[in-house]
Amino acid sequence: MTSLTAIGGNTHHGAAFTTTHWSVVLEAQGPTPAAQAALEKLCRTYWRPIYGFVRRQGSSPEEAEDLTQGFFALLLERRDLDAVRKEKGRLR
């Protein structure tokens, strides 16, 4: 498993969700190298806020890391970003 610190997080679980940068979200759609770079940026941006949310729900640090990683794995597996549209609202 990738450690939280290794992907840009830390054990502080009060991180807030950032403003959605739609250029990055839309760039992350598809199989290109630029899309892969944008996807990595999104994962780094949203890891801490998602982890923090899961921790605030009562999960242990290890469980929160697993659940956060699982969220991103499911997002990729289902290709959910391919269906995201700016006009539908925030990425939350």
PDB file of N, CA and C in Angstrom:
ATOM      1  N   MET A   1       0.839  -1.180   0.000  1.00  0.00           N
ATOM      2  CA  MET A   1       0.000   0.000   0.000  1.00  0.00           C
ATOM      3  C   MET A   1       0.883   1.242   0.000  1.00  0.00           C
ATOM      4  N   THR A   2       0.451   2.274  -0.669  1.00  0.00           N
ATOM      5  CA  THR A   2       1.158   3.541  -0.684  1.00  0.00           C
ATOM      6  C   THR A   2       0.874   4.271   0.615  1.00  0.00           C
ATOM      7  N   SER A   3       1.903   4.797   1.238  1.00  0.00           N
ATOM      8  CA  SER A   3       1.658   5.526   2.474  1.00  0.00           C
ATOM      9  C   SER A   3       1.064   6.887   2.155  1.00  0.00           C
ATOM     10  N   LEU A   4       0.289   7.390   3.084  1.00  0.00           N
ATOM     11  CA  LEU A   4      -0.367   8.678   2.901  1.00  0.00           C
ATOM     12  C   LEU A   4       0.657   9.781   2.683  1.00  0.00           C
ATOM     13  N   THR A   5       1.731   9.773   3.446  1.00  0.00           N
ATOM     14  CA  THR A   5       2.754  10.794   3.305  1.00  0.00           C
ATOM     15  C   THR A   5       3.410  10.741   1.933  1.00  0.00           C
ATOM     16  N   ALA A   6       3.590   9.554   1.399  1.00  0.00           N
ATOM     17  CA  ALA A   6       4.263   9.399   0.109  1.00  0.00           C
ATOM     18  C   ALA A   6       3.487  10.020  -1.037  1.00  0.00           C
ATOM     19  N   ILE A   7       2.172  10.176  -0.894  1.00  0.00           N
ATOM     20  CA  ILE A   7       1.407  10.764  -1.991  1.00  0.00           C
ATOM     21  C   ILE A   7       0.976  12.192  -1.682  1.00  0.00           C
ATOM     22  N   GLY A   8       1.608  12.797  -0.717  1.00  0.00           N
ATOM     23  CA  GLY A   8       1.363  14.205  -0.477  1.00  0.00           C
ATOM     24  C   GLY A   8       0.479  14.503   0.715  1.00  0.00           C
ATOM     25  N   GLY A   9       0.059  13.501   1.442  1.00  0.00           N
ATOM     26  CA  GLY A   9      -0.782  13.722   2.596  1.00  0.00           C
ATOM     27  C   GLY A   9       0.025  13.729   3.873  1.00  0.00           C
ATOM     28  N   ASN A  10      -0.686  13.873   4.960  1.00  0.00           N
ATOM     29  CA  ASN A  10      -0.079  13.706   6.269  1.00  0.00           C
ATOM     30  C   ASN A  10      -1.155  13.194   7.205  1.00  0.00           C
ATOM     31  N   THR A  11      -0.840  13.088   8.457  1.00  0.00           N
ATOM     32  CA  THR A  11      -1.815  12.525   9.371  1.00  0.00           C
ATOM     33  C   THR A  11      -2.822  13.552   9.860  1.00  0.00           C
ATOM     34  N   HIS A  12      -2.668  14.809   9.532  1.00  0.00           N
ATOM     35  CA  HIS A  12      -3.640  15.829   9.902  1.00  0.00           C
ATOM     36  C   HIS A  12      -4.903  15.586   9.098  1.00  0.00           C
ATOM     37  N   HIS A  13      -6.022  15.429   9.773  1.00  0.00           N
ATOM     38  CA  HIS A  13      -7.227  15.085   9.031  1.00  0.00           C
ATOM     39  C   HIS A  13      -8.246  16.207   9.004  1.00  0.00           C
ATOM     40  N   GLY A  14      -7.807  17.450   9.006  1.00  0.00           N
ATOM     41  CA  GLY A  14      -8.722  18.563   8.906  1.00  0.00           C
ATOM     42  C   GLY A  14      -8.656  19.260   7.565  1.00  0.00           C
ATOM     43  N   ALA A  15      -8.058  18.641   6.564  1.00  0.00           N
ATOM     44  CA  ALA A  15      -7.891  19.263   5.257  1.00  0.00           C
ATOM     45  C   ALA A  15      -9.246  19.539   4.622  1.00  0.00           C
ATOM     46  N   ALA A  16      -9.359  20.709   4.023  1.00  0.00           N
ATOM     47  CA  ALA A  16     -10.607  21.108   3.372  1.00  0.00           C
ATOM     48  C   ALA A  16     -10.556  20.771   1.891  1.00  0.00           C
ATOM     49  N   PHE A  17     -11.726  20.542   1.319  1.00  0.00           N
ATOM     50  CA  PHE A  17     -11.790  20.325  -0.122  1.00  0.00           C
ATOM     51  C   PHE A  17     -11.486  21.638  -0.826  1.00  0.00           C
ATOM     52  N   THR A  18     -10.688  21.561  -1.876  1.00  0.00           N
ATOM     53  CA  THR A  18     -10.307  22.752  -2.616  1.00  0.00           C
ATOM     54  C   THR A  18     -11.346  23.071  -3.679  1.00  0.00           C
ATOM     55  N   THR A  19     -11.243  24.261  -4.225  1.00  0.00           N
ATOM     56  CA  THR A  19     -12.085  24.639  -5.347  1.00  0.00           C
ATOM     57  C   THR A  19     -11.765  23.724  -6.516  1.00  0.00           C
ATOM     58  N   THR A  20     -12.797  23.276  -7.200  1.00  0.00           N
ATOM     59  CA  THR A  20     -12.604  22.380  -8.341  1.00  0.00           C
ATOM     60  C   THR A  20     -11.944  23.131  -9.487  1.00  0.00           C
ATOM     61  N   HIS A  21     -10.828  22.616  -9.972  1.00  0.00           N
ATOM     62  CA  HIS A  21     -10.150  23.177 -11.143  1.00  0.00           C
ATOM     63  C   HIS A  21     -10.576  22.341 -12.344  1.00  0.00           C
ATOM     64  N   TRP A  22     -11.578  22.837 -13.043  1.00  0.00           N
ATOM     65  CA  TRP A  22     -12.190  22.052 -14.109  1.00  0.00           C
ATOM     66  C   TRP A  22     -11.247  21.749 -15.251  1.00  0.00           C
ATOM     67  N   SER A  23     -10.289  22.607 -15.504  1.00  0.00           N
ATOM     68  CA  SER A  23      -9.337  22.306 -16.580  1.00  0.00           C
ATOM     69  C   SER A  23      -8.578  21.015 -16.265  1.00  0.00           C
ATOM     70  N   VAL A  24      -8.244  20.793 -14.997  1.00  0.00           N
ATOM     71  CA  VAL A  24      -7.531  19.578 -14.597  1.00  0.00           C
ATOM     72  C   VAL A  24      -8.474  18.371 -14.652  1.00  0.00           C
ATOM     73  N   VAL A  25      -9.692  18.539 -14.163  1.00  0.00           N
ATOM     74  CA  VAL A  25     -10.664  17.439 -14.180  1.00  0.00           C
ATOM     75  C   VAL A  25     -10.922  16.980 -15.611  1.00  0.00           C
ATOM     76  N   LEU A  26     -11.174  17.917 -16.499  1.00  0.00           N
ATOM     77  CA  LEU A  26     -11.470  17.563 -17.888  1.00  0.00           C
ATOM     78  C   LEU A  26     -10.249  16.985 -18.587  1.00  0.00           C
ATOM     79  N   GLU A  27      -9.062  17.478 -18.248  1.00  0.00           N
ATOM     80  CA  GLU A  27      -7.827  16.940 -18.830  1.00  0.00           C
ATOM     81  C   GLU A  27      -7.592  15.496 -18.393  1.00  0.00           C
ATOM     82  N   ALA A  28      -8.082  15.128 -17.216  1.00  0.00           N
ATOM     83  CA  ALA A  28      -7.871  13.780 -16.677  1.00  0.00           C
ATOM     84  C   ALA A  28      -8.709  12.714 -17.376  1.00  0.00           C
ATOM     85  N   GLN A  29      -9.580  13.130 -18.259  1.00  0.00           N
ATOM     86  CA  GLN A  29     -10.420  12.170 -18.982  1.00  0.00           C
ATOM     87  C   GLN A  29      -9.649  11.616 -20.170  1.00  0.00           C
ATOM     88  N   GLY A  30      -9.598  10.317 -20.267  1.00  0.00           N
ATOM     89  CA  GLY A  30      -8.945   9.701 -21.415  1.00  0.00           C
ATOM     90  C   GLY A  30      -7.635   9.026 -21.080  1.00  0.00           C
ATOM     91  N   PRO A  31      -7.019   8.391 -22.100  1.00  0.00           N
ATOM     92  CA  PRO A  31      -5.827   7.566 -21.883  1.00  0.00           C
ATOM     93  C   PRO A  31      -4.488   8.233 -22.225  1.00  0.00           C
ATOM     94  N   THR A  32      -4.467   9.521 -22.491  1.00  0.00           N
ATOM     95  CA  THR A  32      -3.235  10.176 -22.929  1.00  0.00           C
ATOM     96  C   THR A  32      -2.271  10.401 -21.761  1.00  0.00           C
ATOM     97  N   PRO A  33      -0.991  10.622 -22.057  1.00  0.00           N
ATOM     98  CA  PRO A  33      -0.038  10.956 -20.985  1.00  0.00           C
ATOM     99  C   PRO A  33      -0.447  12.223 -20.220  1.00  0.00           C
ATOM    100  N   ALA A  34      -0.998  13.209 -20.927  1.00  0.00           N
ATOM    101  CA  ALA A  34      -1.458  14.428 -20.252  1.00  0.00           C
ATOM    102  C   ALA A  34      -2.612  14.113 -19.304  1.00  0.00           C
ATOM    103  N   ALA A  35      -3.484  13.205 -19.714  1.00  0.00           N
ATOM    104  CA  ALA A  35      -4.600  12.798 -18.851  1.00  0.00           C
ATOM    105  C   ALA A  35      -4.081  12.084 -17.612  1.00  0.00           C
ATOM    106  N   GLN A  36      -3.072  11.260 -17.771  1.00  0.00           N
ATOM    107  CA  GLN A  36      -2.489  10.557 -16.630  1.00  0.00           C
ATOM    108  C   GLN A  36      -1.866  11.539 -15.641  1.00  0.00           C
ATOM    109  N   ALA A  37      -1.194  12.570 -16.159  1.00  0.00           N
ATOM    110  CA  ALA A  37      -0.595  13.586 -15.288  1.00  0.00           C
ATOM    111  C   ALA A  37      -1.681  14.368 -14.547  1.00  0.00           C
ATOM    112  N   ALA A  38      -2.754  14.701 -15.247  1.00  0.00           N
ATOM    113  CA  ALA A  38      -3.861  15.421 -14.617  1.00  0.00           C
ATOM    114  C   ALA A  38      -4.534  14.555 -13.557  1.00  0.00           C
ATOM    115  N   LEU A  39      -4.680  13.280 -13.844  1.00  0.00           N
ATOM    116  CA  LEU A  39      -5.280  12.358 -12.884  1.00  0.00           C
ATOM    117  C   LEU A  39      -4.425  12.258 -11.624  1.00  0.00           C
ATOM    118  N   GLU A  40      -3.123  12.190 -11.795  1.00  0.00           N
ATOM    119  CA  GLU A  40      -2.229  12.161 -10.632  1.00  0.00           C
ATOM    120  C   GLU A  40      -2.390  13.430  -9.805  1.00  0.00           C
ATOM    121  N   LYS A  41      -2.496  14.570 -10.478  1.00  0.00           N
ATOM    122  CA  LYS A  41      -2.679  15.838  -9.767  1.00  0.00           C
ATOM    123  C   LYS A  41      -3.993  15.830  -8.984  1.00  0.00           C
ATOM    124  N   LEU A  42      -5.057  15.328  -9.592  1.00  0.00           N
ATOM    125  CA  LEU A  42      -6.342  15.247  -8.893  1.00  0.00           C
ATOM    126  C   LEU A  42      -6.251  14.349  -7.661  1.00  0.00           C
ATOM    127  N   CYS A  43      -5.610  13.218  -7.819  1.00  0.00           N
ATOM    128  CA  CYS A  43      -5.465  12.298  -6.686  1.00  0.00           C
ATOM    129  C   CYS A  43      -4.685  12.946  -5.553  1.00  0.00           C
ATOM    130  N   ARG A  44      -3.628  13.641  -5.884  1.00  0.00           N
ATOM    131  CA  ARG A  44      -2.834  14.327  -4.855  1.00  0.00           C
ATOM    132  C   ARG A  44      -3.634  15.452  -4.199  1.00  0.00           C
ATOM    133  N   THR A  45      -4.430  16.156  -4.986  1.00  0.00           N
ATOM    134  CA  THR A  45      -5.225  17.268  -4.469  1.00  0.00           C
ATOM    135  C   THR A  45      -6.330  16.792  -3.533  1.00  0.00           C
ATOM    136  N   TYR A  46      -6.999  15.718  -3.892  1.00  0.00           N
ATOM    137  CA  TYR A  46      -8.168  15.271  -3.139  1.00  0.00           C
ATOM    138  C   TYR A  46      -7.878  14.200  -2.094  1.00  0.00           C
ATOM    139  N   TRP A  47      -6.662  13.642  -2.077  1.00  0.00           N
ATOM    140  CA  TRP A  47      -6.366  12.567  -1.125  1.00  0.00           C
ATOM    141  C   TRP A  47      -6.592  13.016   0.319  1.00  0.00           C
ATOM    142  N   ARG A  48      -5.956  14.092   0.723  1.00  0.00           N
ATOM    143  CA  ARG A  48      -6.048  14.543   2.123  1.00  0.00           C
ATOM    144  C   ARG A  48      -7.470  14.893   2.531  1.00  0.00           C
ATOM    145  N   PRO A  49      -8.221  15.649   1.722  1.00  0.00           N
ATOM    146  CA  PRO A  49      -9.600  15.940   2.136  1.00  0.00           C
ATOM    147  C   PRO A  49     -10.469  14.683   2.261  1.00  0.00           C
ATOM    148  N   ILE A  50     -10.314  13.736   1.354  1.00  0.00           N
ATOM    149  CA  ILE A  50     -11.104  12.504   1.443  1.00  0.00           C
ATOM    150  C   ILE A  50     -10.674  11.693   2.663  1.00  0.00           C
ATOM    151  N   TYR A  51      -9.375  11.563   2.854  1.00  0.00           N
ATOM    152  CA  TYR A  51      -8.854  10.864   4.030  1.00  0.00           C
ATOM    153  C   TYR A  51      -9.383  11.520   5.310  1.00  0.00           C
ATOM    154  N   GLY A  52      -9.335  12.840   5.369  1.00  0.00           N
ATOM    155  CA  GLY A  52      -9.826  13.566   6.538  1.00  0.00           C
ATOM    156  C   GLY A  52     -11.303  13.325   6.785  1.00  0.00           C
ATOM    157  N   PHE A  53     -12.087  13.314   5.722  1.00  0.00           N
ATOM    158  CA  PHE A  53     -13.513  13.035   5.851  1.00  0.00           C
ATOM    159  C   PHE A  53     -13.727  11.643   6.447  1.00  0.00           C
ATOM    160  N   VAL A  54     -13.012  10.663   5.927  1.00  0.00           N
ATOM    161  CA  VAL A  54     -13.157   9.287   6.412  1.00  0.00           C
ATOM    162  C   VAL A  54     -12.727   9.188   7.878  1.00  0.00           C
ATOM    163  N   ARG A  55     -11.656   9.871   8.250  1.00  0.00           N
ATOM    164  CA  ARG A  55     -11.199   9.862   9.653  1.00  0.00           C
ATOM    165  C   ARG A  55     -12.257  10.478  10.561  1.00  0.00           C
ATOM    166  N   ARG A  56     -12.864  11.570  10.111  1.00  0.00           N
ATOM    167  CA  ARG A  56     -13.889  12.224  10.931  1.00  0.00           C
ATOM    168  C   ARG A  56     -15.123  11.339  11.112  1.00  0.00           C
ATOM    169  N   GLN A  57     -15.296  10.359  10.251  1.00  0.00           N
ATOM    170  CA  GLN A  57     -16.410   9.419  10.393  1.00  0.00           C
ATOM    171  C   GLN A  57     -16.092   8.329  11.414  1.00  0.00           C
ATOM    172  N   GLY A  58     -14.870   8.339  11.952  1.00  0.00           N
ATOM    173  CA  GLY A  58     -14.508   7.415  13.017  1.00  0.00           C
ATOM    174  C   GLY A  58     -13.556   6.302  12.628  1.00  0.00           C
ATOM    175  N   SER A  59     -13.069   6.297  11.408  1.00  0.00           N
ATOM    176  CA  SER A  59     -12.140   5.248  10.975  1.00  0.00           C
ATOM    177  C   SER A  59     -10.752   5.472  11.559  1.00  0.00           C
ATOM    178  N   SER A  60     -10.050   4.378  11.820  1.00  0.00           N
ATOM    179  CA  SER A  60      -8.661   4.461  12.274  1.00  0.00           C
ATOM    180  C   SER A  60      -7.807   4.993  11.123  1.00  0.00           C
ATOM    181  N   PRO A  61      -6.592   5.466  11.413  1.00  0.00           N
ATOM    182  CA  PRO A  61      -5.726   5.947  10.326  1.00  0.00           C
ATOM    183  C   PRO A  61      -5.507   4.899   9.234  1.00  0.00           C
ATOM    184  N   GLU A  62      -5.259   3.669   9.631  1.00  0.00           N
ATOM    185  CA  GLU A  62      -5.010   2.614   8.636  1.00  0.00           C
ATOM    186  C   GLU A  62      -6.259   2.320   7.815  1.00  0.00           C
ATOM    187  N   GLU A  63      -7.397   2.245   8.489  1.00  0.00           N
ATOM    188  CA  GLU A  63      -8.658   1.986   7.788  1.00  0.00           C
ATOM    189  C   GLU A  63      -8.996   3.145   6.850  1.00  0.00           C
ATOM    190  N   ALA A  64      -8.745   4.370   7.303  1.00  0.00           N
ATOM    191  CA  ALA A  64      -9.018   5.540   6.467  1.00  0.00           C
ATOM    192  C   ALA A  64      -8.138   5.537   5.218  1.00  0.00           C
ATOM    193  N   GLU A  65      -6.875   5.133   5.367  1.00  0.00           N
ATOM    194  CA  GLU A  65      -6.003   5.028   4.193  1.00  0.00           C
ATOM    195  C   GLU A  65      -6.544   3.994   3.217  1.00  0.00           C
ATOM    196  N   ASP A  66      -6.964   2.843   3.740  1.00  0.00           N
ATOM    197  CA  ASP A  66      -7.510   1.791   2.879  1.00  0.00           C
ATOM    198  C   ASP A  66      -8.774   2.259   2.163  1.00  0.00           C
ATOM    199  N   LEU A  67      -9.671   2.911   2.893  1.00  0.00           N
ATOM    200  CA  LEU A  67     -10.918   3.379   2.295  1.00  0.00           C
ATOM    201  C   LEU A  67     -10.668   4.472   1.262  1.00  0.00           C
ATOM    202  N   THR A  68      -9.735   5.362   1.558  1.00  0.00           N
ATOM    203  CA  THR A  68      -9.404   6.421   0.607  1.00  0.00           C
ATOM    204  C   THR A  68      -8.801   5.826  -0.654  1.00  0.00           C
ATOM    205  N   GLN A  69      -7.877   4.908  -0.488  1.00  0.00           N
ATOM    206  CA  GLN A  69      -7.281   4.241  -1.642  1.00  0.00           C
ATOM    207  C   GLN A  69      -8.356   3.488  -2.426  1.00  0.00           C
ATOM    208  N   GLY A  70      -9.274   2.850  -1.719  1.00  0.00           N
ATOM    209  CA  GLY A  70     -10.363   2.133  -2.373  1.00  0.00           C
ATOM    210  C   GLY A  70     -11.265   3.055  -3.165  1.00  0.00           C
ATOM    211  N   PHE A  71     -11.501   4.253  -2.637  1.00  0.00           N
ATOM    212  CA  PHE A  71     -12.304   5.237  -3.360  1.00  0.00           C
ATOM    213  C   PHE A  71     -11.662   5.562  -4.699  1.00  0.00           C
ATOM    214  N   PHE A  72     -10.364   5.851  -4.671  1.00  0.00           N
ATOM    215  CA  PHE A  72      -9.674   6.190  -5.917  1.00  0.00           C
ATOM    216  C   PHE A  72      -9.608   4.997  -6.867  1.00  0.00           C
ATOM    217  N   ALA A  73      -9.418   3.805  -6.329  1.00  0.00           N
ATOM    218  CA  ALA A  73      -9.390   2.607  -7.176  1.00  0.00           C
ATOM    219  C   ALA A  73     -10.731   2.414  -7.879  1.00  0.00           C
ATOM    220  N   LEU A  74     -11.820   2.607  -7.158  1.00  0.00           N
ATOM    221  CA  LEU A  74     -13.150   2.463  -7.748  1.00  0.00           C
ATOM    222  C   LEU A  74     -13.410   3.554  -8.782  1.00  0.00           C
ATOM    223  N   LEU A  75     -12.985   4.764  -8.478  1.00  0.00           N
ATOM    224  CA  LEU A  75     -13.128   5.878  -9.416  1.00  0.00           C
ATOM    225  C   LEU A  75     -12.448   5.546 -10.740  1.00  0.00           C
ATOM    226  N   LEU A  76     -11.255   4.967 -10.668  1.00  0.00           N
ATOM    227  CA  LEU A  76     -10.514   4.598 -11.873  1.00  0.00           C
ATOM    228  C   LEU A  76     -11.128   3.389 -12.565  1.00  0.00           C
ATOM    229  N   GLU A  77     -11.487   2.389 -11.783  1.00  0.00           N
ATOM    230  CA  GLU A  77     -12.044   1.156 -12.348  1.00  0.00           C
ATOM    231  C   GLU A  77     -13.332   1.426 -13.120  1.00  0.00           C
ATOM    232  N   ARG A  78     -14.185   2.275 -12.554  1.00  0.00           N
ATOM    233  CA  ARG A  78     -15.468   2.567 -13.204  1.00  0.00           C
ATOM    234  C   ARG A  78     -15.367   3.693 -14.229  1.00  0.00           C
ATOM    235  N   ARG A  79     -14.179   4.296 -14.316  1.00  0.00           N
ATOM    236  CA  ARG A  79     -13.942   5.409 -15.241  1.00  0.00           C
ATOM    237  C   ARG A  79     -14.937   6.551 -15.005  1.00  0.00           C
ATOM    238  N   ASP A  80     -15.200   6.823 -13.744  1.00  0.00           N
ATOM    239  CA  ASP A  80     -16.179   7.843 -13.381  1.00  0.00           C
ATOM    240  C   ASP A  80     -15.817   9.235 -13.880  1.00  0.00           C
ATOM    241  N   LEU A  81     -14.541   9.538 -13.982  1.00  0.00           N
ATOM    242  CA  LEU A  81     -14.156  10.874 -14.446  1.00  0.00           C
ATOM    243  C   LEU A  81     -14.561  11.121 -15.891  1.00  0.00           C
ATOM    244  N   ASP A  82     -14.702  10.063 -16.672  1.00  0.00           N
ATOM    245  CA  ASP A  82     -15.100  10.234 -18.070  1.00  0.00           C
ATOM    246  C   ASP A  82     -16.511  10.804 -18.201  1.00  0.00           C
ATOM    247  N   ALA A  83     -17.337  10.645 -17.168  1.00  0.00           N
ATOM    248  CA  ALA A  83     -18.721  11.120 -17.213  1.00  0.00           C
ATOM    249  C   ALA A  83     -18.918  12.472 -16.530  1.00  0.00           C
ATOM    250  N   VAL A  84     -17.873  13.007 -15.905  1.00  0.00           N
ATOM    251  CA  VAL A  84     -17.983  14.270 -15.180  1.00  0.00           C
ATOM    252  C   VAL A  84     -18.115  15.427 -16.168  1.00  0.00           C
ATOM    253  N   ARG A  85     -19.054  16.322 -15.882  1.00  0.00           N
ATOM    254  CA  ARG A  85     -19.271  17.506 -16.714  1.00  0.00           C
ATOM    255  C   ARG A  85     -19.319  18.740 -15.822  1.00  0.00           C
ATOM    256  N   LYS A  86     -18.645  19.783 -16.254  1.00  0.00           N
ATOM    257  CA  LYS A  86     -18.560  21.020 -15.477  1.00  0.00           C
ATOM    258  C   LYS A  86     -19.940  21.596 -15.192  1.00  0.00           C
ATOM    259  N   GLU A  87     -20.823  21.543 -16.153  1.00  0.00           N
ATOM    260  CA  GLU A  87     -22.146  22.155 -15.984  1.00  0.00           C
ATOM    261  C   GLU A  87     -23.009  21.452 -14.933  1.00  0.00           C
ATOM    262  N   LYS A  88     -22.592  20.272 -14.502  1.00  0.00           N
ATOM    263  CA  LYS A  88     -23.350  19.552 -13.475  1.00  0.00           C
ATOM    264  C   LYS A  88     -22.984  20.000 -12.064  1.00  0.00           C
ATOM    265  N   GLY A  89     -21.943  20.792 -11.911  1.00  0.00           N
ATOM    266  CA  GLY A  89     -21.613  21.304 -10.590  1.00  0.00           C
ATOM    267  C   GLY A  89     -20.221  20.968 -10.127  1.00  0.00           C
ATOM    268  N   ARG A  90     -20.018  21.096  -8.822  1.00  0.00           N
ATOM    269  CA  ARG A  90     -18.712  20.870  -8.215  1.00  0.00           C
ATOM    270  C   ARG A  90     -18.339  19.402  -8.222  1.00  0.00           C
ATOM    271  N   LEU A  91     -17.047  19.149  -8.199  1.00  0.00           N
ATOM    272  CA  LEU A  91     -16.538  17.777  -8.090  1.00  0.00           C
ATOM    273  C   LEU A  91     -16.399  17.467  -6.608  1.00  0.00           C
ATOM    274  N   ARG A  92     -17.454  16.958  -6.015  1.00  0.00           N
ATOM    275  CA  ARG A  92     -17.459  16.633  -4.582  1.00  0.00           C
ATOM    276  C   ARG A  92     -18.136  15.307  -4.387  1.00  0.00           C
TER     277      ARG A  92
END
